């Protein structure tokens, strides 16, 4: 009747909400809220260098989210179905919240907070210096990032470069990587079972083509 009020939503909504499930969810919510409150307070003490550097800021948040996930009674199914991300994000302070911008992606594999977590937790990401570039990697598909195998190989190749890669560079690298991933490798499991030699060949091809791309761009 024109009056706003807050309502608690228990996810997934298509699951029967028993008393036991409700109590477990409420207990977990209290734990997550308390831990996110600590993250919010710690953020206030960060240096401006971190706060103003987008990639550093979200990598820092990813570390905090990883710590919370590892130290909380979170069921693996809630991580696998991506329900944990909106559960964590709802309590983050404004500076760490994506608000309505990512509402459609909330609770999906493209959730902003999942990307933050992956930026910290997935091996082989230290060479990523642009959030827009990282966004391109995570949006290119599960197999590219979440197998945890190809990214370290790419890092080994591209860490040889003497300059930081900008967002357009990283977009191009992500596009090239997907180009060389076999069409049958549509899931992390497919790429996870690929021999190291084939993955190394992909990383080498991506590096070679990117160097050619940069050379051609400089000459045009």
N, C-alpha and C. Protein backbone atom coordinates (compact mmCIF):
# COMPACT_ATOMS: atom_id res chain seq x y z
N UNK A 1 0.83 -1.21 0.00
CA UNK A 1 0.00 0.00 0.00
C UNK A 1 0.86 1.25 0.00
N UNK A 2 1.94 1.23 -0.77
CA UNK A 2 2.81 2.39 -0.85
C UNK A 2 3.86 2.46 0.22
N UNK A 3 3.93 1.46 1.11
CA UNK A 3 4.91 1.45 2.19
C UNK A 3 6.04 0.48 1.87
N UNK A 4 7.29 0.96 1.95
CA UNK A 4 8.44 0.11 1.68
C UNK A 4 8.83 -0.67 2.93
N UNK A 5 9.24 -1.91 2.74
CA UNK A 5 9.75 -2.72 3.85
C UNK A 5 10.76 -3.70 3.31
N UNK A 6 11.67 -4.14 4.18
CA UNK A 6 12.67 -5.12 3.79
C UNK A 6 12.16 -6.52 4.05
N UNK A 7 12.41 -7.40 3.08
CA UNK A 7 11.99 -8.79 3.23
C UNK A 7 13.20 -9.69 3.07
N UNK A 8 13.29 -10.69 3.92
CA UNK A 8 14.38 -11.66 3.83
C UNK A 8 14.05 -12.70 2.77
N UNK A 9 14.99 -12.91 1.84
CA UNK A 9 14.81 -13.90 0.78
C UNK A 9 15.77 -15.04 1.01
N UNK A 10 15.25 -16.25 1.02
CA UNK A 10 16.08 -17.44 1.20
C UNK A 10 16.27 -18.10 -0.15
N UNK A 11 17.54 -18.32 -0.51
CA UNK A 11 17.85 -18.89 -1.81
C UNK A 11 18.40 -20.30 -1.67
N UNK A 12 18.17 -21.19 -2.65
CA UNK A 12 17.36 -20.96 -3.85
C UNK A 12 15.87 -20.94 -3.52
N UNK A 13 15.13 -20.10 -4.22
CA UNK A 13 13.72 -19.91 -3.91
C UNK A 13 12.87 -21.11 -4.26
N UNK A 14 13.39 -22.01 -5.11
CA UNK A 14 12.60 -23.17 -5.50
C UNK A 14 12.80 -24.37 -4.57
N UNK A 15 13.58 -24.18 -3.50
CA UNK A 15 13.81 -25.25 -2.53
C UNK A 15 12.88 -25.09 -1.34
N UNK A 16 12.34 -26.20 -0.86
CA UNK A 16 11.45 -26.18 0.29
C UNK A 16 12.20 -25.63 1.51
N UNK A 17 11.66 -24.58 2.11
CA UNK A 17 12.32 -23.95 3.25
C UNK A 17 11.84 -24.58 4.54
N UNK A 18 12.61 -25.56 5.03
CA UNK A 18 12.28 -26.20 6.30
C UNK A 18 12.81 -25.35 7.45
N UNK A 19 12.38 -25.67 8.65
CA UNK A 19 12.86 -24.92 9.83
C UNK A 19 14.37 -25.07 9.98
N UNK A 20 14.88 -26.28 9.75
CA UNK A 20 16.32 -26.51 9.87
C UNK A 20 17.09 -25.67 8.86
N UNK A 21 16.64 -25.63 7.62
CA UNK A 21 17.31 -24.84 6.60
C UNK A 21 17.25 -23.36 6.92
N UNK A 22 16.11 -22.91 7.42
CA UNK A 22 15.97 -21.50 7.79
C UNK A 22 16.95 -21.14 8.91
N UNK A 23 17.04 -22.00 9.92
CA UNK A 23 17.93 -21.72 11.04
C UNK A 23 19.39 -21.70 10.60
N UNK A 24 19.78 -22.65 9.74
CA UNK A 24 21.16 -22.68 9.22
C UNK A 24 21.46 -21.43 8.40
N UNK A 25 20.48 -21.03 7.58
CA UNK A 25 20.67 -19.84 6.74
C UNK A 25 20.80 -18.59 7.60
N UNK A 26 19.97 -18.49 8.63
CA UNK A 26 20.03 -17.31 9.51
C UNK A 26 21.35 -17.25 10.27
N UNK A 27 21.82 -18.42 10.71
CA UNK A 27 23.10 -18.47 11.43
C UNK A 27 24.25 -18.06 10.51
N UNK A 28 24.25 -18.60 9.30
CA UNK A 28 25.30 -18.25 8.35
C UNK A 28 25.23 -16.77 8.00
N UNK A 29 24.05 -16.24 7.84
CA UNK A 29 23.89 -14.83 7.51
C UNK A 29 24.49 -13.95 8.60
N UNK A 30 24.26 -14.31 9.86
CA UNK A 30 24.83 -13.54 10.98
C UNK A 30 26.36 -13.58 10.94
N UNK A 31 26.91 -14.76 10.62
CA UNK A 31 28.37 -14.91 10.54
C UNK A 31 28.93 -14.05 9.42
N UNK A 32 28.30 -14.12 8.26
CA UNK A 32 28.78 -13.36 7.10
C UNK A 32 28.68 -11.86 7.35
N UNK A 33 27.59 -11.43 7.95
CA UNK A 33 27.42 -10.00 8.23
C UNK A 33 28.52 -9.49 9.14
N UNK A 34 28.83 -10.26 10.19
CA UNK A 34 29.87 -9.85 11.13
C UNK A 34 31.24 -9.76 10.43
N UNK A 35 31.53 -10.72 9.56
CA UNK A 35 32.82 -10.73 8.88
C UNK A 35 32.90 -9.62 7.82
N UNK A 36 31.80 -9.37 7.14
CA UNK A 36 31.78 -8.28 6.16
C UNK A 36 31.90 -6.94 6.86
N UNK A 37 31.32 -6.81 8.03
CA UNK A 37 31.46 -5.57 8.81
C UNK A 37 32.94 -5.29 9.10
N UNK A 38 33.68 -6.35 9.40
CA UNK A 38 35.12 -6.18 9.65
C UNK A 38 35.85 -5.75 8.38
N UNK A 39 35.45 -6.31 7.24
CA UNK A 39 36.04 -5.92 5.96
C UNK A 39 35.75 -4.44 5.68
N UNK A 40 34.52 -4.03 5.93
CA UNK A 40 34.14 -2.63 5.72
C UNK A 40 34.98 -1.68 6.56
N UNK A 41 35.24 -2.06 7.80
CA UNK A 41 36.06 -1.23 8.68
C UNK A 41 37.52 -1.21 8.23
N UNK A 42 38.01 -2.36 7.78
CA UNK A 42 39.40 -2.42 7.32
C UNK A 42 39.60 -1.59 6.06
N UNK A 43 38.58 -1.56 5.21
CA UNK A 43 38.68 -0.77 3.98
C UNK A 43 38.93 0.70 4.29
N UNK A 44 38.33 1.18 5.36
CA UNK A 44 38.49 2.59 5.73
C UNK A 44 39.93 2.93 6.07
N UNK A 45 40.73 1.93 6.44
CA UNK A 45 42.12 2.17 6.83
C UNK A 45 43.09 1.99 5.66
N UNK A 46 42.60 1.58 4.51
CA UNK A 46 43.48 1.36 3.37
C UNK A 46 44.05 2.68 2.85
N UNK A 47 45.20 2.58 2.22
CA UNK A 47 45.81 3.78 1.64
C UNK A 47 45.03 4.20 0.40
N UNK A 48 45.14 5.47 0.07
CA UNK A 48 44.47 5.97 -1.13
C UNK A 48 45.01 5.31 -2.39
N UNK A 49 46.26 4.87 -2.35
CA UNK A 49 46.85 4.20 -3.50
C UNK A 49 46.07 2.94 -3.88
N UNK A 50 45.60 2.22 -2.86
CA UNK A 50 44.82 1.01 -3.11
C UNK A 50 43.39 1.38 -3.49
N UNK A 51 42.81 2.31 -2.77
CA UNK A 51 41.41 2.68 -3.02
C UNK A 51 41.21 3.25 -4.42
N UNK A 52 42.20 3.97 -4.92
CA UNK A 52 42.06 4.61 -6.23
C UNK A 52 42.55 3.76 -7.39
N UNK A 53 43.18 2.63 -7.06
CA UNK A 53 43.66 1.70 -8.09
C UNK A 53 42.65 0.57 -8.20
N UNK A 54 41.86 0.58 -9.27
CA UNK A 54 40.73 -0.34 -9.38
C UNK A 54 41.14 -1.80 -9.26
N UNK A 55 42.19 -2.20 -9.95
CA UNK A 55 42.60 -3.60 -9.92
C UNK A 55 43.11 -3.99 -8.52
N UNK A 56 43.83 -3.09 -7.87
CA UNK A 56 44.33 -3.36 -6.52
C UNK A 56 43.18 -3.43 -5.53
N UNK A 57 42.22 -2.57 -5.69
CA UNK A 57 41.06 -2.54 -4.79
C UNK A 57 40.26 -3.84 -4.87
N UNK A 58 39.98 -4.29 -6.08
CA UNK A 58 39.15 -5.49 -6.21
C UNK A 58 39.94 -6.75 -5.89
N UNK A 59 41.26 -6.74 -6.11
CA UNK A 59 42.08 -7.88 -5.70
C UNK A 59 42.12 -7.97 -4.17
N UNK A 60 42.20 -6.82 -3.52
CA UNK A 60 42.16 -6.78 -2.05
C UNK A 60 40.84 -7.36 -1.55
N UNK A 61 39.73 -6.94 -2.18
CA UNK A 61 38.43 -7.47 -1.77
C UNK A 61 38.36 -8.97 -2.02
N UNK A 62 38.93 -9.42 -3.14
CA UNK A 62 38.94 -10.85 -3.43
C UNK A 62 39.62 -11.66 -2.36
N UNK A 63 40.72 -11.12 -1.82
CA UNK A 63 41.42 -11.80 -0.73
C UNK A 63 40.53 -11.91 0.50
N UNK A 64 39.82 -10.83 0.82
CA UNK A 64 38.94 -10.84 1.99
C UNK A 64 37.79 -11.83 1.80
N UNK A 65 37.23 -11.87 0.60
CA UNK A 65 36.15 -12.82 0.33
C UNK A 65 36.64 -14.25 0.41
N UNK A 66 37.85 -14.49 -0.08
CA UNK A 66 38.43 -15.83 -0.01
C UNK A 66 38.63 -16.26 1.44
N UNK A 67 39.11 -15.34 2.26
CA UNK A 67 39.30 -15.64 3.70
C UNK A 67 37.96 -15.98 4.36
N UNK A 68 36.93 -15.22 4.02
CA UNK A 68 35.61 -15.46 4.62
C UNK A 68 35.07 -16.82 4.20
N UNK A 69 35.19 -17.14 2.92
CA UNK A 69 34.69 -18.42 2.41
C UNK A 69 35.39 -19.59 3.10
N UNK A 70 36.71 -19.46 3.28
CA UNK A 70 37.48 -20.55 3.88
C UNK A 70 37.23 -20.69 5.38
N UNK A 71 36.77 -19.64 6.02
CA UNK A 71 36.62 -19.67 7.49
C UNK A 71 35.16 -19.70 7.94
N UNK A 72 34.23 -19.91 7.02
CA UNK A 72 32.82 -19.89 7.36
C UNK A 72 32.16 -21.22 6.98
N UNK A 73 31.07 -21.57 7.67
CA UNK A 73 30.39 -22.85 7.37
C UNK A 73 29.53 -22.75 6.11
N UNK A 74 30.19 -22.49 4.99
CA UNK A 74 29.50 -22.35 3.71
C UNK A 74 29.51 -23.68 2.98
N UNK A 75 28.37 -24.12 2.52
CA UNK A 75 28.29 -25.38 1.79
C UNK A 75 28.83 -25.19 0.38
N UNK A 76 29.53 -26.20 -0.11
CA UNK A 76 30.13 -26.12 -1.44
C UNK A 76 29.09 -25.87 -2.52
N UNK A 77 27.90 -26.40 -2.31
CA UNK A 77 26.84 -26.22 -3.32
C UNK A 77 26.49 -24.74 -3.49
N UNK A 78 26.58 -23.97 -2.41
CA UNK A 78 26.26 -22.54 -2.50
C UNK A 78 27.36 -21.76 -3.21
N UNK A 79 28.57 -22.30 -3.20
CA UNK A 79 29.66 -21.71 -3.98
C UNK A 79 29.51 -22.11 -5.44
N UNK A 80 29.21 -23.38 -5.67
CA UNK A 80 29.10 -23.88 -7.03
C UNK A 80 27.94 -23.24 -7.79
N UNK A 81 26.84 -22.96 -7.09
CA UNK A 81 25.69 -22.36 -7.78
C UNK A 81 25.69 -20.83 -7.69
N UNK A 82 26.79 -20.28 -7.12
CA UNK A 82 27.03 -18.83 -7.09
C UNK A 82 26.06 -18.04 -6.21
N UNK A 83 25.37 -18.70 -5.30
CA UNK A 83 24.47 -18.00 -4.39
C UNK A 83 25.23 -17.27 -3.28
N UNK A 84 26.49 -17.68 -3.05
CA UNK A 84 27.25 -17.08 -1.97
C UNK A 84 27.59 -15.62 -2.25
N UNK A 85 27.72 -15.25 -3.53
CA UNK A 85 28.19 -13.91 -3.86
C UNK A 85 27.21 -12.81 -3.46
N UNK A 86 25.93 -12.91 -3.80
CA UNK A 86 25.00 -11.88 -3.31
C UNK A 86 24.83 -11.92 -1.80
N UNK A 87 25.02 -13.10 -1.20
CA UNK A 87 24.94 -13.20 0.26
C UNK A 87 26.05 -12.38 0.92
N UNK A 88 27.21 -12.36 0.30
CA UNK A 88 28.33 -11.55 0.81
C UNK A 88 28.18 -10.09 0.40
N UNK A 89 27.79 -9.86 -0.82
CA UNK A 89 27.75 -8.50 -1.35
C UNK A 89 26.72 -7.60 -0.70
N UNK A 90 25.65 -8.18 -0.15
CA UNK A 90 24.57 -7.36 0.39
C UNK A 90 25.01 -6.49 1.57
N UNK A 91 26.09 -6.86 2.24
CA UNK A 91 26.52 -6.12 3.42
C UNK A 91 27.75 -5.23 3.19
N UNK A 92 28.30 -5.27 1.99
CA UNK A 92 29.49 -4.47 1.71
C UNK A 92 29.15 -2.98 1.65
N UNK A 93 30.07 -2.15 2.12
CA UNK A 93 29.88 -0.72 2.10
C UNK A 93 29.78 -0.21 0.67
N UNK A 94 29.28 1.00 0.52
CA UNK A 94 29.00 1.56 -0.80
C UNK A 94 30.20 1.51 -1.73
N UNK A 95 31.39 1.83 -1.21
CA UNK A 95 32.59 1.86 -2.03
C UNK A 95 32.97 0.47 -2.57
N UNK A 96 32.47 -0.58 -1.94
CA UNK A 96 32.78 -1.94 -2.37
C UNK A 96 31.57 -2.64 -3.00
N UNK A 97 30.53 -1.88 -3.17
CA UNK A 97 29.30 -2.44 -3.73
C UNK A 97 29.13 -2.00 -5.17
N UNK A 98 28.67 -2.89 -6.01
CA UNK A 98 28.43 -2.57 -7.42
C UNK A 98 27.02 -2.04 -7.64
N UNK A 99 26.18 -2.13 -6.61
CA UNK A 99 24.83 -1.58 -6.70
C UNK A 99 24.02 -2.17 -7.84
N UNK A 100 23.26 -1.32 -8.51
CA UNK A 100 22.36 -1.77 -9.57
C UNK A 100 23.10 -2.12 -10.86
N UNK A 101 24.36 -1.68 -10.98
CA UNK A 101 25.10 -1.90 -12.22
C UNK A 101 25.20 -3.37 -12.58
N UNK A 102 25.38 -4.22 -11.58
CA UNK A 102 25.56 -5.65 -11.83
C UNK A 102 24.39 -6.48 -11.32
N UNK A 103 23.23 -5.88 -11.19
CA UNK A 103 22.07 -6.58 -10.62
C UNK A 103 21.72 -7.83 -11.42
N UNK A 104 21.77 -7.72 -12.76
CA UNK A 104 21.40 -8.86 -13.60
C UNK A 104 22.40 -10.01 -13.46
N UNK A 105 23.64 -9.70 -13.11
CA UNK A 105 24.67 -10.73 -13.00
C UNK A 105 24.79 -11.28 -11.58
N UNK A 106 24.12 -10.66 -10.65
CA UNK A 106 24.22 -11.09 -9.26
C UNK A 106 23.74 -12.53 -9.12
N UNK A 107 24.55 -13.34 -8.44
CA UNK A 107 24.18 -14.73 -8.22
C UNK A 107 24.40 -15.62 -9.43
N UNK A 108 25.13 -15.13 -10.43
CA UNK A 108 25.47 -15.94 -11.60
C UNK A 108 26.98 -16.14 -11.64
N UNK A 109 27.45 -16.89 -12.64
CA UNK A 109 28.89 -17.11 -12.77
C UNK A 109 29.63 -15.83 -13.17
N UNK A 110 28.87 -14.82 -13.58
CA UNK A 110 29.46 -13.53 -13.95
C UNK A 110 29.37 -12.51 -12.81
N UNK A 111 29.00 -12.95 -11.63
CA UNK A 111 28.86 -12.05 -10.49
C UNK A 111 30.17 -11.29 -10.24
N UNK A 112 30.05 -10.00 -10.00
CA UNK A 112 31.24 -9.16 -9.78
C UNK A 112 32.10 -9.70 -8.64
N UNK A 113 31.48 -10.15 -7.56
CA UNK A 113 32.25 -10.59 -6.40
C UNK A 113 32.94 -11.93 -6.66
N UNK A 114 32.37 -12.74 -7.54
CA UNK A 114 33.07 -13.96 -7.94
C UNK A 114 34.33 -13.59 -8.72
N UNK A 115 34.24 -12.57 -9.56
CA UNK A 115 35.40 -12.12 -10.33
C UNK A 115 36.48 -11.57 -9.40
N UNK A 116 36.07 -10.85 -8.36
CA UNK A 116 37.03 -10.33 -7.38
C UNK A 116 37.74 -11.49 -6.69
N UNK A 117 36.95 -12.47 -6.25
CA UNK A 117 37.52 -13.64 -5.59
C UNK A 117 38.50 -14.35 -6.52
N UNK A 118 38.12 -14.56 -7.78
CA UNK A 118 38.97 -15.26 -8.73
C UNK A 118 40.26 -14.50 -8.99
N UNK A 119 40.18 -13.17 -9.04
CA UNK A 119 41.38 -12.35 -9.27
C UNK A 119 42.44 -12.60 -8.21
N UNK A 120 41.99 -12.89 -6.99
CA UNK A 120 42.93 -13.20 -5.91
C UNK A 120 43.25 -14.70 -5.84
N UNK A 121 42.22 -15.53 -5.94
CA UNK A 121 42.38 -16.95 -5.63
C UNK A 121 42.88 -17.81 -6.78
N UNK A 122 42.60 -17.40 -8.01
CA UNK A 122 43.04 -18.20 -9.17
C UNK A 122 44.53 -17.94 -9.41
N UNK A 123 45.36 -18.97 -9.51
CA UNK A 123 46.78 -18.75 -9.78
C UNK A 123 47.00 -18.19 -11.18
N UNK A 124 48.05 -17.37 -11.31
CA UNK A 124 48.40 -16.85 -12.62
C UNK A 124 47.70 -15.56 -13.00
N UNK A 125 47.39 -14.70 -12.01
CA UNK A 125 46.69 -13.45 -12.33
C UNK A 125 47.48 -12.20 -11.96
N UNK A 126 48.69 -12.36 -11.44
CA UNK A 126 49.43 -11.19 -10.97
C UNK A 126 49.83 -10.25 -12.09
N UNK A 127 49.84 -10.74 -13.33
CA UNK A 127 50.20 -9.90 -14.47
C UNK A 127 49.01 -9.10 -14.99
N UNK A 128 47.83 -9.36 -14.45
CA UNK A 128 46.62 -8.62 -14.85
C UNK A 128 46.63 -7.27 -14.14
N UNK A 129 46.69 -6.19 -14.90
CA UNK A 129 46.81 -4.85 -14.31
C UNK A 129 45.63 -3.95 -14.65
N UNK A 130 44.59 -4.51 -15.20
CA UNK A 130 43.41 -3.73 -15.57
C UNK A 130 42.15 -4.52 -15.25
N UNK A 131 41.21 -3.90 -14.52
CA UNK A 131 39.96 -4.58 -14.21
C UNK A 131 39.15 -4.84 -15.47
N UNK A 132 39.13 -3.89 -16.38
CA UNK A 132 38.41 -4.07 -17.64
C UNK A 132 38.99 -5.26 -18.39
N UNK A 133 40.32 -5.39 -18.35
CA UNK A 133 40.97 -6.53 -18.98
C UNK A 133 40.61 -7.84 -18.30
N UNK A 134 40.59 -7.82 -16.98
CA UNK A 134 40.22 -9.03 -16.23
C UNK A 134 38.77 -9.41 -16.51
N UNK A 135 37.92 -8.42 -16.64
CA UNK A 135 36.53 -8.64 -16.97
C UNK A 135 36.42 -9.39 -18.30
N UNK A 136 37.27 -9.03 -19.24
CA UNK A 136 37.27 -9.69 -20.55
C UNK A 136 37.64 -11.16 -20.40
N UNK A 137 38.59 -11.46 -19.53
CA UNK A 137 38.99 -12.84 -19.31
C UNK A 137 37.85 -13.65 -18.69
N UNK A 138 37.26 -13.13 -17.63
CA UNK A 138 36.22 -13.89 -16.93
C UNK A 138 34.96 -14.04 -17.76
N UNK A 139 34.70 -13.08 -18.64
CA UNK A 139 33.51 -13.17 -19.48
C UNK A 139 33.70 -14.07 -20.69
N UNK A 140 34.94 -14.46 -20.96
CA UNK A 140 35.21 -15.29 -22.13
C UNK A 140 34.84 -16.76 -21.91
N UNK A 141 34.56 -17.13 -20.68
CA UNK A 141 34.15 -18.51 -20.43
C UNK A 141 34.86 -19.13 -19.25
N UNK A 142 34.21 -20.11 -18.69
CA UNK A 142 34.72 -20.79 -17.51
C UNK A 142 36.07 -21.46 -17.78
N UNK A 143 36.21 -22.04 -18.98
CA UNK A 143 37.40 -22.83 -19.26
C UNK A 143 38.68 -22.01 -19.26
N UNK A 144 38.59 -20.73 -19.58
CA UNK A 144 39.79 -19.91 -19.69
C UNK A 144 40.41 -19.61 -18.32
N UNK A 145 39.58 -19.33 -17.33
CA UNK A 145 40.07 -18.89 -16.03
C UNK A 145 40.00 -19.98 -14.96
N UNK A 146 38.85 -20.63 -14.86
CA UNK A 146 38.57 -21.41 -13.67
C UNK A 146 39.13 -22.83 -13.66
N UNK A 147 39.79 -23.24 -14.76
CA UNK A 147 40.52 -24.51 -14.70
C UNK A 147 41.76 -24.38 -13.84
N UNK A 148 42.23 -23.14 -13.67
CA UNK A 148 43.44 -22.84 -12.89
C UNK A 148 44.72 -23.40 -13.54
N UNK A 149 44.65 -23.70 -14.82
CA UNK A 149 45.82 -24.28 -15.49
C UNK A 149 46.38 -23.37 -16.57
N UNK A 150 45.51 -22.78 -17.37
CA UNK A 150 45.99 -21.98 -18.50
C UNK A 150 46.51 -20.62 -18.05
N UNK A 151 45.88 -20.01 -17.05
CA UNK A 151 46.29 -18.69 -16.61
C UNK A 151 47.76 -18.64 -16.15
N UNK A 152 48.24 -19.61 -15.36
CA UNK A 152 49.66 -19.58 -14.98
C UNK A 152 50.60 -19.68 -16.18
N UNK A 153 50.19 -20.43 -17.19
CA UNK A 153 51.03 -20.56 -18.38
C UNK A 153 51.07 -19.24 -19.16
N UNK A 154 49.94 -18.57 -19.23
CA UNK A 154 49.91 -17.26 -19.88
C UNK A 154 50.73 -16.25 -19.08
N UNK A 155 50.62 -16.33 -17.77
CA UNK A 155 51.40 -15.44 -16.91
C UNK A 155 52.89 -15.63 -17.15
N UNK A 156 53.31 -16.87 -17.29
CA UNK A 156 54.73 -17.16 -17.52
C UNK A 156 55.21 -16.54 -18.83
N UNK A 157 54.35 -16.55 -19.84
CA UNK A 157 54.71 -15.97 -21.14
C UNK A 157 54.73 -14.44 -21.08
N UNK A 158 53.66 -13.87 -20.57
CA UNK A 158 53.49 -12.42 -20.66
C UNK A 158 54.24 -11.64 -19.59
N UNK A 159 54.73 -12.33 -18.56
CA UNK A 159 55.55 -11.64 -17.56
C UNK A 159 56.91 -11.26 -18.14
N UNK A 160 57.22 -11.79 -19.32
CA UNK A 160 58.48 -11.44 -19.99
C UNK A 160 58.43 -10.03 -20.56
N UNK A 161 57.25 -9.52 -20.79
CA UNK A 161 57.12 -8.18 -21.35
C UNK A 161 57.57 -7.15 -20.33
N UNK A 162 58.21 -6.10 -20.79
CA UNK A 162 58.79 -5.11 -19.89
C UNK A 162 57.79 -4.04 -19.45
N UNK A 163 56.65 -3.95 -20.13
CA UNK A 163 55.66 -2.92 -19.79
C UNK A 163 54.35 -3.56 -19.37
N UNK A 164 53.57 -2.83 -18.57
CA UNK A 164 52.26 -3.32 -18.16
C UNK A 164 51.32 -3.36 -19.36
N UNK A 165 50.44 -4.32 -19.35
CA UNK A 165 49.46 -4.46 -20.42
C UNK A 165 48.23 -3.63 -20.07
N UNK A 166 47.75 -2.86 -21.04
CA UNK A 166 46.56 -2.06 -20.78
C UNK A 166 45.30 -2.89 -21.04
N UNK A 167 44.16 -2.28 -20.84
CA UNK A 167 42.90 -3.01 -20.96
C UNK A 167 42.68 -3.56 -22.36
N UNK A 168 43.05 -2.79 -23.38
CA UNK A 168 42.87 -3.26 -24.76
C UNK A 168 43.79 -4.44 -25.06
N UNK A 169 45.01 -4.40 -24.52
CA UNK A 169 45.94 -5.53 -24.67
C UNK A 169 45.34 -6.80 -24.08
N UNK A 170 44.81 -6.67 -22.88
CA UNK A 170 44.27 -7.84 -22.18
C UNK A 170 43.03 -8.38 -22.89
N UNK A 171 42.23 -7.49 -23.43
CA UNK A 171 41.07 -7.94 -24.21
C UNK A 171 41.53 -8.77 -25.41
N UNK A 172 42.58 -8.30 -26.07
CA UNK A 172 43.10 -9.02 -27.23
C UNK A 172 43.66 -10.38 -26.83
N UNK A 173 44.36 -10.43 -25.71
CA UNK A 173 44.93 -11.70 -25.25
C UNK A 173 43.81 -12.69 -24.91
N UNK A 174 42.78 -12.21 -24.25
CA UNK A 174 41.65 -13.08 -23.92
C UNK A 174 40.99 -13.61 -25.19
N UNK A 175 40.84 -12.75 -26.18
CA UNK A 175 40.23 -13.17 -27.45
C UNK A 175 41.09 -14.22 -28.14
N UNK A 176 42.40 -14.02 -28.12
CA UNK A 176 43.30 -14.98 -28.74
C UNK A 176 43.28 -16.32 -28.01
N UNK A 177 43.22 -16.26 -26.69
CA UNK A 177 43.21 -17.49 -25.89
C UNK A 177 42.00 -18.33 -26.23
N UNK A 178 40.84 -17.69 -26.31
CA UNK A 178 39.61 -18.41 -26.64
C UNK A 178 39.69 -18.99 -28.05
N UNK A 179 40.31 -18.25 -28.94
CA UNK A 179 40.48 -18.71 -30.33
C UNK A 179 41.22 -20.05 -30.39
N UNK A 180 42.21 -20.22 -29.51
CA UNK A 180 43.03 -21.43 -29.56
C UNK A 180 42.51 -22.57 -28.69
N UNK A 181 41.52 -22.29 -27.85
CA UNK A 181 40.95 -23.37 -27.05
C UNK A 181 40.09 -24.25 -27.96
N UNK A 182 40.32 -25.55 -27.99
CA UNK A 182 39.53 -26.43 -28.87
C UNK A 182 38.03 -26.26 -28.65
N UNK A 183 37.28 -26.33 -29.72
CA UNK A 183 35.84 -26.06 -29.64
C UNK A 183 35.12 -27.03 -28.72
N UNK A 184 35.68 -28.25 -28.53
CA UNK A 184 35.02 -29.21 -27.67
C UNK A 184 35.24 -28.91 -26.19
N UNK A 185 36.21 -28.03 -25.90
CA UNK A 185 36.52 -27.72 -24.49
C UNK A 185 35.63 -26.58 -24.01
N UNK A 186 34.39 -26.89 -23.72
CA UNK A 186 33.42 -25.87 -23.35
C UNK A 186 33.27 -25.69 -21.85
N UNK A 187 33.82 -26.58 -21.07
CA UNK A 187 33.69 -26.51 -19.62
C UNK A 187 35.07 -26.62 -18.98
N UNK A 188 35.19 -26.18 -17.70
CA UNK A 188 36.48 -26.32 -17.01
C UNK A 188 36.99 -27.75 -17.00
N UNK A 189 36.08 -28.72 -16.89
CA UNK A 189 36.49 -30.12 -16.82
C UNK A 189 37.18 -30.55 -18.11
N UNK A 190 36.69 -30.05 -19.25
CA UNK A 190 37.30 -30.41 -20.53
C UNK A 190 38.73 -29.91 -20.62
N UNK A 191 38.95 -28.67 -20.25
CA UNK A 191 40.29 -28.10 -20.34
C UNK A 191 41.18 -28.65 -19.23
N UNK A 192 40.58 -28.99 -18.10
CA UNK A 192 41.35 -29.51 -16.98
C UNK A 192 42.00 -30.84 -17.31
N UNK A 193 41.41 -31.59 -18.23
CA UNK A 193 41.95 -32.91 -18.58
C UNK A 193 42.93 -32.85 -19.75
N UNK A 194 43.14 -31.66 -20.31
CA UNK A 194 44.03 -31.51 -21.45
C UNK A 194 45.49 -31.65 -21.01
N UNK A 195 46.33 -32.35 -21.76
CA UNK A 195 47.75 -32.50 -21.39
C UNK A 195 48.45 -31.15 -21.31
N UNK A 196 49.44 -31.07 -20.44
CA UNK A 196 50.21 -29.83 -20.27
C UNK A 196 50.80 -29.35 -21.59
N UNK A 197 51.26 -30.30 -22.40
CA UNK A 197 51.89 -29.93 -23.66
C UNK A 197 50.95 -29.14 -24.57
N UNK A 198 49.69 -29.54 -24.60
CA UNK A 198 48.71 -28.84 -25.45
C UNK A 198 48.40 -27.45 -24.89
N UNK A 199 48.31 -27.36 -23.58
CA UNK A 199 48.06 -26.06 -22.97
C UNK A 199 49.24 -25.12 -23.17
N UNK A 200 50.44 -25.65 -23.05
CA UNK A 200 51.64 -24.85 -23.29
C UNK A 200 51.68 -24.35 -24.73
N UNK A 201 51.23 -25.21 -25.65
CA UNK A 201 51.19 -24.81 -27.06
C UNK A 201 50.20 -23.68 -27.28
N UNK A 202 49.07 -23.73 -26.56
CA UNK A 202 48.08 -22.65 -26.65
C UNK A 202 48.68 -21.35 -26.14
N UNK A 203 49.34 -21.40 -24.97
CA UNK A 203 49.95 -20.20 -24.38
C UNK A 203 51.01 -19.62 -25.31
N UNK A 204 51.81 -20.49 -25.92
CA UNK A 204 52.84 -20.04 -26.84
C UNK A 204 52.24 -19.36 -28.06
N UNK A 205 51.18 -19.94 -28.60
CA UNK A 205 50.52 -19.38 -29.77
C UNK A 205 49.89 -18.02 -29.45
N UNK A 206 49.28 -17.92 -28.30
CA UNK A 206 48.66 -16.65 -27.88
C UNK A 206 49.72 -15.57 -27.76
N UNK A 207 50.85 -15.90 -27.13
CA UNK A 207 51.94 -14.94 -26.96
C UNK A 207 52.51 -14.52 -28.31
N UNK A 208 52.72 -15.48 -29.18
CA UNK A 208 53.25 -15.19 -30.51
C UNK A 208 52.31 -14.26 -31.28
N UNK A 209 51.02 -14.59 -31.29
CA UNK A 209 50.06 -13.78 -32.04
C UNK A 209 49.89 -12.40 -31.44
N UNK A 210 50.00 -12.31 -30.11
CA UNK A 210 49.87 -10.99 -29.49
C UNK A 210 51.05 -10.11 -29.87
N UNK A 211 52.26 -10.66 -29.88
CA UNK A 211 53.43 -9.88 -30.28
C UNK A 211 53.28 -9.38 -31.71
N UNK A 212 52.73 -10.22 -32.57
CA UNK A 212 52.49 -9.82 -33.96
C UNK A 212 51.44 -8.72 -34.02
N UNK A 213 50.40 -8.87 -33.21
CA UNK A 213 49.33 -7.88 -33.14
C UNK A 213 49.88 -6.51 -32.73
N UNK A 214 50.75 -6.50 -31.72
CA UNK A 214 51.34 -5.25 -31.24
C UNK A 214 52.26 -4.64 -32.30
N UNK A 215 53.00 -5.48 -32.97
CA UNK A 215 53.90 -5.01 -34.01
C UNK A 215 53.12 -4.39 -35.17
N UNK A 216 52.05 -5.07 -35.57
CA UNK A 216 51.22 -4.56 -36.66
C UNK A 216 50.53 -3.26 -36.26
N UNK A 217 50.09 -3.19 -35.00
CA UNK A 217 49.41 -1.99 -34.51
C UNK A 217 50.35 -0.79 -34.50
N UNK A 218 51.60 -1.06 -34.10
CA UNK A 218 52.60 0.02 -34.05
C UNK A 218 52.94 0.51 -35.44
N UNK A 219 52.86 -0.37 -36.43
CA UNK A 219 53.24 0.00 -37.78
C UNK A 219 52.13 0.63 -38.59
N UNK A 220 50.90 0.54 -38.06
CA UNK A 220 49.76 1.07 -38.82
C UNK A 220 49.55 2.56 -38.56
